[in-house]
C-alpha atoms as a PDB file:
ATOM      1  CA  UNK A   1     278.066 141.750  -0.528  1.00  0.00           C
ATOM      2  CA  UNK A   2     278.241 138.671  -2.551  1.00  0.00           C
ATOM      3  CA  UNK A   3     276.344 135.442  -2.106  1.00  0.00           C
ATOM      4  CA  UNK A   4     278.381 132.186  -2.120  1.00  0.00           C
ATOM      5  CA  UNK A   5     277.216 128.881  -2.600  1.00  0.00           C
ATOM      6  CA  UNK A   6     279.108 125.835  -1.042  1.00  0.00           C
ATOM      7  CA  UNK A   7     278.071 122.120  -1.200  1.00  0.00           C
ATOM      8  CA  UNK A   8     279.697 119.236   0.263  1.00  0.00           C
ATOM      9  CA  UNK A   9     278.567 115.742  -1.028  1.00  0.00           C
ATOM     10  CA  UNK A  10     278.827 112.158  -0.062  1.00  0.00           C
ATOM     11  CA  UNK A  11     278.070 109.455  -2.780  1.00  0.00           C
ATOM     12  CA  UNK A  12     276.362 106.219  -1.926  1.00  0.00           C
ATOM     13  CA  UNK A  13     278.830 103.146  -1.329  1.00  0.00           C
ATOM     14  CA  UNK A  14     279.357 101.274  -4.187  1.00  0.00           C
ATOM     15  CA  UNK A  15     282.191  99.361  -6.112  1.00  0.00           C
ATOM     16  CA  UNK A  16     284.359 101.980  -7.937  1.00  0.00           C
ATOM     17  CA  UNK A  17     286.787 100.577 -10.801  1.00  0.00           C
ATOM     18  CA  UNK A  18     288.773 101.979 -13.581  1.00  0.00           C
ATOM     19  CA  UNK A  19     288.046 105.725 -12.746  1.00  0.00           C
ATOM     20  CA  UNK A  20     290.865 106.485 -14.949  1.00  0.00           C
ATOM     21  CA  UNK A  21     289.470 105.679 -18.332  1.00  0.00           C
ATOM     22  CA  UNK A  22     291.053 103.946 -21.031  1.00  0.00           C
ATOM     23  CA  UNK A  23     293.985 101.943 -20.395  1.00  0.00           C
ATOM     24  CA  UNK A  24     297.630 102.788 -21.480  1.00  0.00           C
ATOM     25  CA  UNK A  25     298.446  99.122 -22.574  1.00  0.00           C
ATOM     26  CA  UNK A  26     299.161  97.588 -19.480  1.00  0.00           C
ATOM     27  CA  UNK A  27     297.356  94.799 -18.013  1.00  0.00           C
ATOM     28  CA  UNK A  28     296.309  96.473 -14.675  1.00  0.00           C
ATOM     29  CA  UNK A  29     293.590  98.967 -14.706  1.00  0.00           C
ATOM     30  CA  UNK A  30     294.336 101.325 -11.740  1.00  0.00           C
ATOM     31  CA  UNK A  31     292.634 103.555  -9.460  1.00  0.00           C
ATOM     32  CA  UNK A  32     294.157 106.839  -8.749  1.00  0.00           C
ATOM     33  CA  UNK A  33     295.404 106.973  -5.073  1.00  0.00           C
ATOM     34  CA  UNK A  34     296.513 109.373  -2.060  1.00  0.00           C
ATOM     35  CA  UNK A  35     298.114 108.709   1.105  1.00  0.00           C
ATOM     36  CA  UNK A  36     296.484 110.236   4.195  1.00  0.00           C
ATOM     37  CA  UNK A  37     298.129 109.484   7.512  1.00  0.00           C
ATOM     38  CA  UNK A  38     299.095 105.870   7.574  1.00  0.00           C
ATOM     39  CA  UNK A  39     296.452 104.835   5.083  1.00  0.00           C
ATOM     40  CA  UNK A  40     296.183 104.782   1.380  1.00  0.00           C
ATOM     41  CA  UNK A  41     292.627 106.017  -0.215  1.00  0.00           C
ATOM     42  CA  UNK A  42     291.388 106.139  -3.738  1.00  0.00           C
ATOM     43  CA  UNK A  43     290.527 109.374  -5.437  1.00  0.00           C
ATOM     44  CA  UNK A  44     288.485 110.800  -8.587  1.00  0.00           C
ATOM     45  CA  UNK A  45     290.008 113.849 -10.171  1.00  0.00           C
ATOM     46  CA  UNK A  46     287.815 117.550 -10.458  1.00  0.00           C
ATOM     47  CA  UNK A  47     288.122 117.115 -14.052  1.00  0.00           C
ATOM     48  CA  UNK A  48     286.247 113.736 -14.217  1.00  0.00           C
ATOM     49  CA  UNK A  49     283.492 115.147 -11.881  1.00  0.00           C
ATOM     50  CA  UNK A  50     283.283 118.158 -14.268  1.00  0.00           C
ATOM     51  CA  UNK A  51     283.055 115.896 -17.167  1.00  0.00           C
ATOM     52  CA  UNK A  52     279.798 114.494 -15.352  1.00  0.00           C
ATOM     53  CA  UNK A  53     278.327 117.801 -14.964  1.00  0.00           C
ATOM     54  CA  UNK A  54     278.808 118.785 -18.530  1.00  0.00           C
ATOM     55  CA  UNK A  55     277.051 115.464 -19.723  1.00  0.00           C
ATOM     56  CA  UNK A  56     274.134 116.688 -17.461  1.00  0.00           C
ATOM     57  CA  UNK A  57     274.096 119.881 -19.066  1.00  0.00           C
ATOM     58  CA  UNK A  58     274.248 118.552 -22.664  1.00  0.00           C
ATOM     59  CA  UNK A  59     271.367 116.240 -22.204  1.00  0.00           C
ATOM     60  CA  UNK A  60     269.137 118.854 -20.156  1.00  0.00           C
ATOM     61  CA  UNK A  61     270.281 122.172 -21.753  1.00  0.00           C
ATOM     62  CA  UNK A  62     271.648 120.978 -25.320  1.00  0.00           C
ATOM     63  CA  UNK A  63     270.696 124.170 -26.963  1.00  0.00           C
ATOM     64  CA  UNK A  64     272.503 126.247 -24.422  1.00  0.00           C
ATOM     65  CA  UNK A  65     275.639 124.229 -24.299  1.00  0.00           C
ATOM     66  CA  UNK A  66     278.631 125.067 -26.583  1.00  0.00           C
ATOM     67  CA  UNK A  67     280.806 121.817 -25.957  1.00  0.00           C
ATOM     68  CA  UNK A  68     278.942 118.499 -26.458  1.00  0.00           C
ATOM     69  CA  UNK A  69     280.468 115.133 -26.630  1.00  0.00           C
ATOM     70  CA  UNK A  70     279.521 112.404 -29.153  1.00  0.00           C
ATOM     71  CA  UNK A  71     280.234 109.061 -27.815  1.00  0.00           C
ATOM     72  CA  UNK A  72     280.168 107.560 -31.221  1.00  0.00           C
ATOM     73  CA  UNK A  73     283.239 109.517 -32.754  1.00  0.00           C
ATOM     74  CA  UNK A  74     284.708 110.062 -29.161  1.00  0.00           C
ATOM     75  CA  UNK A  75     284.830 113.773 -30.074  1.00  0.00           C
ATOM     76  CA  UNK A  76     283.720 117.121 -28.776  1.00  0.00           C
ATOM     77  CA  UNK A  77     282.177 119.639 -30.882  1.00  0.00           C
ATOM     78  CA  UNK A  78     281.277 123.471 -30.640  1.00  0.00           C
ATOM     79  CA  UNK A  79     278.226 125.391 -31.393  1.00  0.00           C
ATOM     80  CA  UNK A  80     280.157 128.438 -31.699  1.00  0.00           C
ATOM     81  CA  UNK A  81     282.749 127.267 -34.128  1.00  0.00           C
ATOM     82  CA  UNK A  82     285.498 126.533 -31.742  1.00  0.00           C
ATOM     83  CA  UNK A  83     285.034 129.845 -30.119  1.00  0.00           C
ATOM     84  CA  UNK A  84     283.566 130.558 -26.534  1.00  0.00           C
ATOM     85  CA  UNK A  85     280.904 132.837 -25.233  1.00  0.00           C
ATOM     86  CA  UNK A  86     279.988 132.930 -21.671  1.00  0.00           C
ATOM     87  CA  UNK A  87     276.980 135.235 -22.170  1.00  0.00           C
ATOM     88  CA  UNK A  88     275.233 132.699 -24.586  1.00  0.00           C
ATOM     89  CA  UNK A  89     276.395 129.413 -23.306  1.00  0.00           C
ATOM     90  CA  UNK A  90     275.914 127.831 -19.785  1.00  0.00           C
ATOM     91  CA  UNK A  91     278.967 125.509 -19.899  1.00  0.00           C
ATOM     92  CA  UNK A  92     281.462 128.402 -20.822  1.00  0.00           C
ATOM     93  CA  UNK A  93     279.782 130.496 -18.095  1.00  0.00           C
ATOM     94  CA  UNK A  94     280.112 127.868 -15.261  1.00  0.00           C
ATOM     95  CA  UNK A  95     283.293 125.909 -16.344  1.00  0.00           C
ATOM     96  CA  UNK A  96     285.193 128.546 -17.930  1.00  0.00           C
ATOM     97  CA  UNK A  97     287.578 128.151 -20.978  1.00  0.00           C
ATOM     98  CA  UNK A  98     291.090 128.549 -22.310  1.00  0.00           C
ATOM     99  CA  UNK A  99     291.638 129.026 -26.215  1.00  0.00           C
ATOM    100  CA  UNK A 100     295.554 128.990 -26.625  1.00  0.00           C
ATOM    101  CA  UNK A 101     296.574 129.982 -30.058  1.00  0.00           C
ATOM    102  CA  UNK A 102     300.019 128.919 -31.352  1.00  0.00           C
ATOM    103  CA  UNK A 103     302.388 130.600 -33.535  1.00  0.00           C
ATOM    104  CA  UNK A 104     304.571 133.651 -33.550  1.00  0.00           C
ATOM    105  CA  UNK A 105     301.438 135.662 -35.251  1.00  0.00           C
ATOM    106  CA  UNK A 106     299.105 134.595 -32.213  1.00  0.00           C
ATOM    107  CA  UNK A 107     301.274 135.231 -29.451  1.00  0.00           C
ATOM    108  CA  UNK A 108     298.822 137.360 -27.612  1.00  0.00           C
ATOM    109  CA  UNK A 109     295.654 135.831 -28.835  1.00  0.00           C
ATOM    110  CA  UNK A 110     294.997 133.662 -25.969  1.00  0.00           C
ATOM    111  CA  UNK A 111     291.548 133.965 -24.573  1.00  0.00           C
ATOM    112  CA  UNK A 112     290.392 132.513 -21.226  1.00  0.00           C
ATOM    113  CA  UNK A 113     287.820 132.757 -18.551  1.00  0.00           C
ATOM    114  CA  UNK A 114     288.267 131.249 -15.084  1.00  0.00           C
ATOM    115  CA  UNK A 115     285.551 128.719 -14.241  1.00  0.00           C
ATOM    116  CA  UNK A 116     283.081 130.076 -11.856  1.00  0.00           C
ATOM    117  CA  UNK A 117     282.106 126.479 -10.605  1.00  0.00           C
ATOM    118  CA  UNK A 118     284.901 125.123  -8.640  1.00  0.00           C
ATOM    119  CA  UNK A 119     285.199 121.298  -7.852  1.00  0.00           C
ATOM    120  CA  UNK A 120     287.347 119.543  -5.527  1.00  0.00           C
ATOM    121  CA  UNK A 121     288.912 116.163  -5.963  1.00  0.00           C
ATOM    122  CA  UNK A 122     286.774 113.268  -4.607  1.00  0.00           C
ATOM    123  CA  UNK A 123     288.390 111.244  -1.857  1.00  0.00           C
ATOM    124  CA  UNK A 124     287.209 107.634  -0.743  1.00  0.00           C
ATOM    125  CA  UNK A 125     285.693 107.581   2.761  1.00  0.00           C
ATOM    126  CA  UNK A 126     287.385 104.185   3.237  1.00  0.00           C
ATOM    127  CA  UNK A 127     291.057 103.055   3.222  1.00  0.00           C
ATOM    128  CA  UNK A 128     291.954 101.145   0.094  1.00  0.00           C
ATOM    129  CA  UNK A 129     293.036  97.738   0.981  1.00  0.00           C
ATOM    130  CA  UNK A 130     294.228  96.530  -2.416  1.00  0.00           C
ATOM    131  CA  UNK A 131     291.330  94.682  -3.848  1.00  0.00           C
ATOM    132  CA  UNK A 132     291.955  93.450  -7.368  1.00  0.00           C
ATOM    133  CA  UNK A 133     289.926  91.515 -10.008  1.00  0.00           C
ATOM    134  CA  UNK A 134     291.794  89.122 -12.369  1.00  0.00           C
ATOM    135  CA  UNK A 135     290.380  88.204 -15.911  1.00  0.00           C
ATOM    136  CA  UNK A 136     291.610  86.179 -18.599  1.00  0.00           C
ATOM    137  CA  UNK A 137     290.558  85.385 -22.247  1.00  0.00           C
ATOM    138  CA  UNK A 138     291.699  82.133 -23.855  1.00  0.00           C
ATOM    139  CA  UNK A 139     291.859  81.394 -27.540  1.00  0.00           C
ATOM    140  CA  UNK A 140     294.306  80.826 -30.438  1.00  0.00           C
ATOM    141  CA  UNK A 141     297.953  80.951 -29.739  1.00  0.00           C
ATOM    142  CA  UNK A 142     299.218  84.628 -29.143  1.00  0.00           C
ATOM    143  CA  UNK A 143     295.633  85.929 -29.001  1.00  0.00           C
ATOM    144  CA  UNK A 144     295.120  85.309 -25.289  1.00  0.00           C
ATOM    145  CA  UNK A 145     294.619  88.133 -22.773  1.00  0.00           C
ATOM    146  CA  UNK A 146     295.236  88.674 -18.945  1.00  0.00           C
ATOM    147  CA  UNK A 147     294.131  91.718 -17.158  1.00  0.00           C
ATOM    148  CA  UNK A 148     293.721  92.900 -13.778  1.00  0.00           C
ATOM    149  CA  UNK A 149     291.147  95.577 -12.299  1.00  0.00           C
ATOM    150  CA  UNK A 150     291.701  97.363  -9.176  1.00  0.00           C
ATOM    151  CA  UNK A 151     288.340  97.844  -7.160  1.00  0.00           C
ATOM    152  CA  UNK A 152     287.186  99.605  -4.096  1.00  0.00           C
ATOM    153  CA  UNK A 153     284.093  99.359  -2.054  1.00  0.00           C
ATOM    154  CA  UNK A 154     283.471 102.862  -1.046  1.00  0.00           C
ATOM    155  CA  UNK A 155     281.789 106.103  -1.050  1.00  0.00           C
ATOM    156  CA  UNK A 156     283.426 109.175  -2.214  1.00  0.00           C
ATOM    157  CA  UNK A 157     283.323 112.875  -0.806  1.00  0.00           C
ATOM    158  CA  UNK A 158     283.671 116.113  -2.615  1.00  0.00           C
ATOM    159  CA  UNK A 159     282.982 119.555  -2.497  1.00  0.00           C
ATOM    160  CA  UNK A 160     281.696 122.364  -4.974  1.00  0.00           C
ATOM    161  CA  UNK A 161     281.850 126.269  -4.743  1.00  0.00           C
ATOM    162  CA  UNK A 162     279.961 128.881  -6.789  1.00  0.00           C
ATOM    163  CA  UNK A 163     279.632 132.434  -6.430  1.00  0.00           C
ATOM    164  CA  UNK A 164     276.463 133.398  -8.562  1.00  0.00           C
ATOM    165  CA  UNK A 165     277.707 137.073  -8.934  1.00  0.00           C
ATOM    166  CA  UNK A 166     280.589 135.512 -10.967  1.00  0.00           C
ATOM    167  CA  UNK A 167     278.343 134.300 -13.606  1.00  0.00           C
ATOM    168  CA  UNK A 168     276.987 136.213 -16.632  1.00  0.00           C
ATOM    169  CA  UNK A 169     273.718 135.047 -15.727  1.00  0.00           C
ATOM    170  CA  UNK A 170     272.894 134.387 -11.977  1.00  0.00           C
ATOM    171  CA  UNK A 171     270.028 132.210 -12.772  1.00  0.00           C
ATOM    172  CA  UNK A 172     272.719 129.473 -13.859  1.00  0.00           C
ATOM    173  CA  UNK A 173     273.288 128.719 -10.272  1.00  0.00           C
ATOM    174  CA  UNK A 174     270.164 127.065 -10.004  1.00  0.00           C
ATOM    175  CA  UNK A 175     270.932 124.866 -13.141  1.00  0.00           C
ATOM    176  CA  UNK A 176     274.131 123.995 -11.530  1.00  0.00           C
ATOM    177  CA  UNK A 177     272.252 122.846  -8.319  1.00  0.00           C
ATOM    178  CA  UNK A 178     269.977 120.512 -10.620  1.00  0.00           C
ATOM    179  CA  UNK A 179     273.228 119.064 -12.197  1.00  0.00           C
ATOM    180  CA  UNK A 180     274.879 118.276  -8.808  1.00  0.00           C
ATOM    181  CA  UNK A 181     272.013 116.346  -7.692  1.00  0.00           C
ATOM    182  CA  UNK A 182     271.503 114.447 -10.985  1.00  0.00           C
ATOM    183  CA  UNK A 183     275.136 113.731 -12.243  1.00  0.00           C
ATOM    184  CA  UNK A 184     275.426 110.275 -13.511  1.00  0.00           C
ATOM    185  CA  UNK A 185     278.516 109.525 -15.378  1.00  0.00           C
ATOM    186  CA  UNK A 186     281.984 110.671 -14.072  1.00  0.00           C
ATOM    187  CA  UNK A 187     284.535 110.891 -16.784  1.00  0.00           C
ATOM    188  CA  UNK A 188     286.894 107.646 -16.748  1.00  0.00           C
ATOM    189  CA  UNK A 189     284.293 105.350 -15.788  1.00  0.00           C
ATOM    190  CA  UNK A 190     284.615 102.530 -18.326  1.00  0.00           C
ATOM    191  CA  UNK A 191     281.382 101.348 -19.831  1.00  0.00           C
ATOM    192  CA  UNK A 192     281.450  97.914 -17.964  1.00  0.00           C
ATOM    193  CA  UNK A 193     281.400  99.677 -14.743  1.00  0.00           C
ATOM    194  CA  UNK A 194     278.697 102.107 -13.153  1.00  0.00           C
ATOM    195  CA  UNK A 195     279.243 104.263 -10.169  1.00  0.00           C
ATOM    196  CA  UNK A 196     276.581 106.601  -8.809  1.00  0.00           C
ATOM    197  CA  UNK A 197     277.966 109.930  -8.191  1.00  0.00           C
ATOM    198  CA  UNK A 198     274.834 111.542  -7.081  1.00  0.00           C
ATOM    199  CA  UNK A 199     274.535 112.771  -3.392  1.00  0.00           C
ATOM    200  CA  UNK A 200     273.524 110.191  -0.920  1.00  0.00           C
ATOM    201  CA  UNK A 201     273.688 112.902   1.581  1.00  0.00           C
ATOM    202  CA  UNK A 202     274.522 116.766   0.965  1.00  0.00           C
ATOM    203  CA  UNK A 203     275.330 119.883   2.814  1.00  0.00           C
ATOM    204  CA  UNK A 204     274.353 123.178   1.168  1.00  0.00           C
ATOM    205  CA  UNK A 205     275.660 126.450   2.781  1.00  0.00           C
ATOM    206  CA  UNK A 206     274.478 129.632   1.241  1.00  0.00           C
ATOM    207  CA  UNK A 207     276.213 132.802   2.853  1.00  0.00           C
ATOM    208  CA  UNK A 208     278.257 135.949   2.807  1.00  0.00           C
ATOM    209  CA  UNK A 209     281.180 134.245   4.093  1.00  0.00           C
ATOM    210  CA  UNK A 210     284.014 133.612   1.365  1.00  0.00           C
ATOM    211  CA  UNK A 211     285.278 130.601   3.180  1.00  0.00           C
ATOM    212  CA  UNK A 212     283.221 127.275   2.763  1.00  0.00           C
ATOM    213  CA  UNK A 213     284.190 125.545   6.089  1.00  0.00           C
ATOM    214  CA  UNK A 214     281.894 122.604   5.390  1.00  0.00           C
ATOM    215  CA  UNK A 215     284.317 120.828   3.171  1.00  0.00           C
ATOM    216  CA  UNK A 216     285.304 117.018   3.986  1.00  0.00           C
ATOM    217  CA  UNK A 217     282.699 116.888   6.885  1.00  0.00           C
ATOM    218  CA  UNK A 218     281.498 113.595   6.258  1.00  0.00           C
ATOM    219  CA  UNK A 219     283.138 110.585   7.784  1.00  0.00           C
ATOM    220  CA  UNK A 220     282.586 106.907   8.406  1.00  0.00           C
ATOM    221  CA  UNK A 221     280.846 106.523  11.778  1.00  0.00           C
ATOM    222  CA  UNK A 222     280.364 102.552  12.057  1.00  0.00           C
ATOM    223  CA  UNK A 223     278.688 101.280   9.056  1.00  0.00           C
ATOM    224  CA  UNK A 224     276.887 104.585   8.444  1.00  0.00           C
ATOM    225  CA  UNK A 225     278.208 107.998   7.513  1.00  0.00           C
ATOM    226  CA  UNK A 226     278.210 111.005   9.900  1.00  0.00           C
ATOM    227  CA  UNK A 227     279.251 114.705  10.243  1.00  0.00           C
ATOM    228  CA  UNK A 228     280.465 115.207  13.645  1.00  0.00           C
ATOM    229  CA  UNK A 229     282.565 118.120  12.391  1.00  0.00           C
ATOM    230  CA  UNK A 230     279.871 120.038  11.084  1.00  0.00           C
ATOM    231  CA  UNK A 231     277.716 119.547  14.270  1.00  0.00           C
ATOM    232  CA  UNK A 232     280.708 121.053  16.197  1.00  0.00           C
ATOM    233  CA  UNK A 233     281.076 123.953  13.586  1.00  0.00           C
ATOM    234  CA  UNK A 234     277.206 124.872  14.247  1.00  0.00           C
ATOM    235  CA  UNK A 235     277.550 124.232  17.955  1.00  0.00           C
ATOM    236  CA  UNK A 236     280.537 126.717  18.376  1.00  0.00           C
ATOM    237  CA  UNK A 237     278.909 129.213  15.864  1.00  0.00           C
ATOM    238  CA  UNK A 238     281.756 129.176  13.316  1.00  0.00           C
ATOM    239  CA  UNK A 239     278.685 128.252  10.800  1.00  0.00           C
ATOM    240  CA  UNK A 240     275.386 129.729  11.426  1.00  0.00           C
ATOM    241  CA  UNK A 241     272.651 127.145  11.458  1.00  0.00           C
ATOM    242  CA  UNK A 242     270.437 129.420   9.361  1.00  0.00           C
ATOM    243  CA  UNK A 243     272.817 129.109   6.569  1.00  0.00           C
ATOM    244  CA  UNK A 244     272.917 125.430   6.238  1.00  0.00           C
ATOM    245  CA  UNK A 245     270.602 122.889   4.457  1.00  0.00           C
ATOM    246  CA  UNK A 246     271.438 119.384   5.065  1.00  0.00           C
ATOM    247  CA  UNK A 247     269.607 116.457   3.423  1.00  0.00           C
ATOM    248  CA  UNK A 248     269.887 112.843   2.463  1.00  0.00           C
ATOM    249  CA  UNK A 249     270.473 109.547   4.421  1.00  0.00           C
ATOM    250  CA  UNK A 250     272.270 111.745   6.891  1.00  0.00           C
ATOM    251  CA  UNK A 251     268.821 113.164   8.152  1.00  0.00           C
ATOM    252  CA  UNK A 252     268.267 109.748   9.854  1.00  0.00           C
ATOM    253  CA  UNK A 253     271.404 109.550  11.799  1.00  0.00           C
ATOM    254  CA  UNK A 254     272.367 111.002  15.294  1.00  0.00           C
ATOM    255  CA  UNK A 255     274.158 113.805  13.374  1.00  0.00           C
ATOM    256  CA  UNK A 256     271.229 114.677  11.625  1.00  0.00           C
ATOM    257  CA  UNK A 257     269.168 114.858  14.680  1.00  0.00           C
ATOM    258  CA  UNK A 258     271.693 116.970  16.392  1.00  0.00           C
ATOM    259  CA  UNK A 259     271.865 119.404  13.466  1.00  0.00           C
ATOM    260  CA  UNK A 260     268.092 119.490  13.135  1.00  0.00           C
ATOM    261  CA  UNK A 261     267.916 120.718  17.082  1.00  0.00           C
ATOM    262  CA  UNK A 262     270.520 123.301  16.598  1.00  0.00           C
ATOM    263  CA  UNK A 263     268.368 124.975  14.211  1.00  0.00           C
ATOM    264  CA  UNK A 264     269.873 123.719  10.633  1.00  0.00           C
ATOM    265  CA  UNK A 265     267.144 122.887   8.023  1.00  0.00           C
ATOM    266  CA  UNK A 266     267.198 119.211   7.542  1.00  0.00           C
ATOM    267  CA  UNK A 267     265.403 117.231   4.758  1.00  0.00           C
ATOM    268  CA  UNK A 268     265.202 113.556   4.181  1.00  0.00           C
ATOM    269  CA  UNK A 269     265.243 113.828   0.475  1.00  0.00           C
ATOM    270  CA  UNK A 270     268.050 115.294  -1.491  1.00  0.00           C
ATOM    271  CA  UNK A 271     265.887 116.771  -4.144  1.00  0.00           C
ATOM    272  CA  UNK A 272     263.658 118.551  -1.799  1.00  0.00           C
ATOM    273  CA  UNK A 273     266.855 120.220  -0.230  1.00  0.00           C
ATOM    274  CA  UNK A 274     267.823 121.130  -3.703  1.00  0.00           C
ATOM    275  CA  UNK A 275     264.502 122.890  -4.431  1.00  0.00           C
ATOM    276  CA  UNK A 276     264.841 124.753  -0.926  1.00  0.00           C
ATOM    277  CA  UNK A 277     268.621 126.080  -1.972  1.00  0.00           C
ATOM    278  CA  UNK A 278     267.216 127.277  -5.421  1.00  0.00           C
ATOM    279  CA  UNK A 279     264.558 129.264  -3.865  1.00  0.00           C
ATOM    280  CA  UNK A 280     266.980 130.684  -1.557  1.00  0.00           C
ATOM    281  CA  UNK A 281     269.067 131.594  -4.463  1.00  0.00           C
ATOM    282  CA  UNK A 282     266.154 133.153  -6.168  1.00  0.00           C
ATOM    283  CA  UNK A 283     265.302 135.286  -3.275  1.00  0.00           C
ATOM    284  CA  UNK A 284     268.919 136.452  -3.405  1.00  0.00           C
ATOM    285  CA  UNK A 285     269.028 137.228  -7.074  1.00  0.00           C
ATOM    286  CA  UNK A 286     265.677 139.381  -6.577  1.00  0.00           C
ATOM    287  CA  UNK A 287     267.300 141.296  -3.528  1.00  0.00           C
END
């Protein structure tokens, strides 16, 4: 029976802006939004988060990463001369690829691999109320500029899923865990903005259950972050306590204390929890 790795993450609370990347010529730099119930929330795409994970791999495992990004030329290069190899390269194994050939002589030449590492879209914990920063630059006639930037003071929640058996090298699941704990830039963040997408709190589930169950388990509780939905799932035994590792600031909240009392492994440090999860995965590979 396959072992599955499911992770739910909530970032620190900070000011997010311009997550869409380079502007399209308009004077308003917008945030992507989604409506939930009667409120509007900001959102960051899964592709943007994957970009941040790729950047970590490039910086920490450059020799084993096929596709690397050069910020000076704003271009990607491939070690394998534009080709993909999931056996050799960790990014091709984790994220998959599609090489679509064009022309009538290459109708059946498309090669593709589904990404083993699945990432959800990140959703803000707090509703967006329309905060906008206005800026202008004066100068010579016809050389002035006016711009506005949407901003949101919030935390973001997103989920990741990975089945190590789907990888050409199962040990790469441990590298993925390191990347998740250390992601810095998220694709689309403009150079003048920095938003930390590393986990402030994290829930890790290692299980034979093919369904995550833990997605979107974080929510605002007063001025802090709690996970009452997760507490309930453990109480009713839909999620066995021994399959969970919970860590970060959530450990110091009432929800963290409840989970610990229910038998969940709770750590105050995220990196300590990641090490524990890596050890559990190692045991699974040996088995």
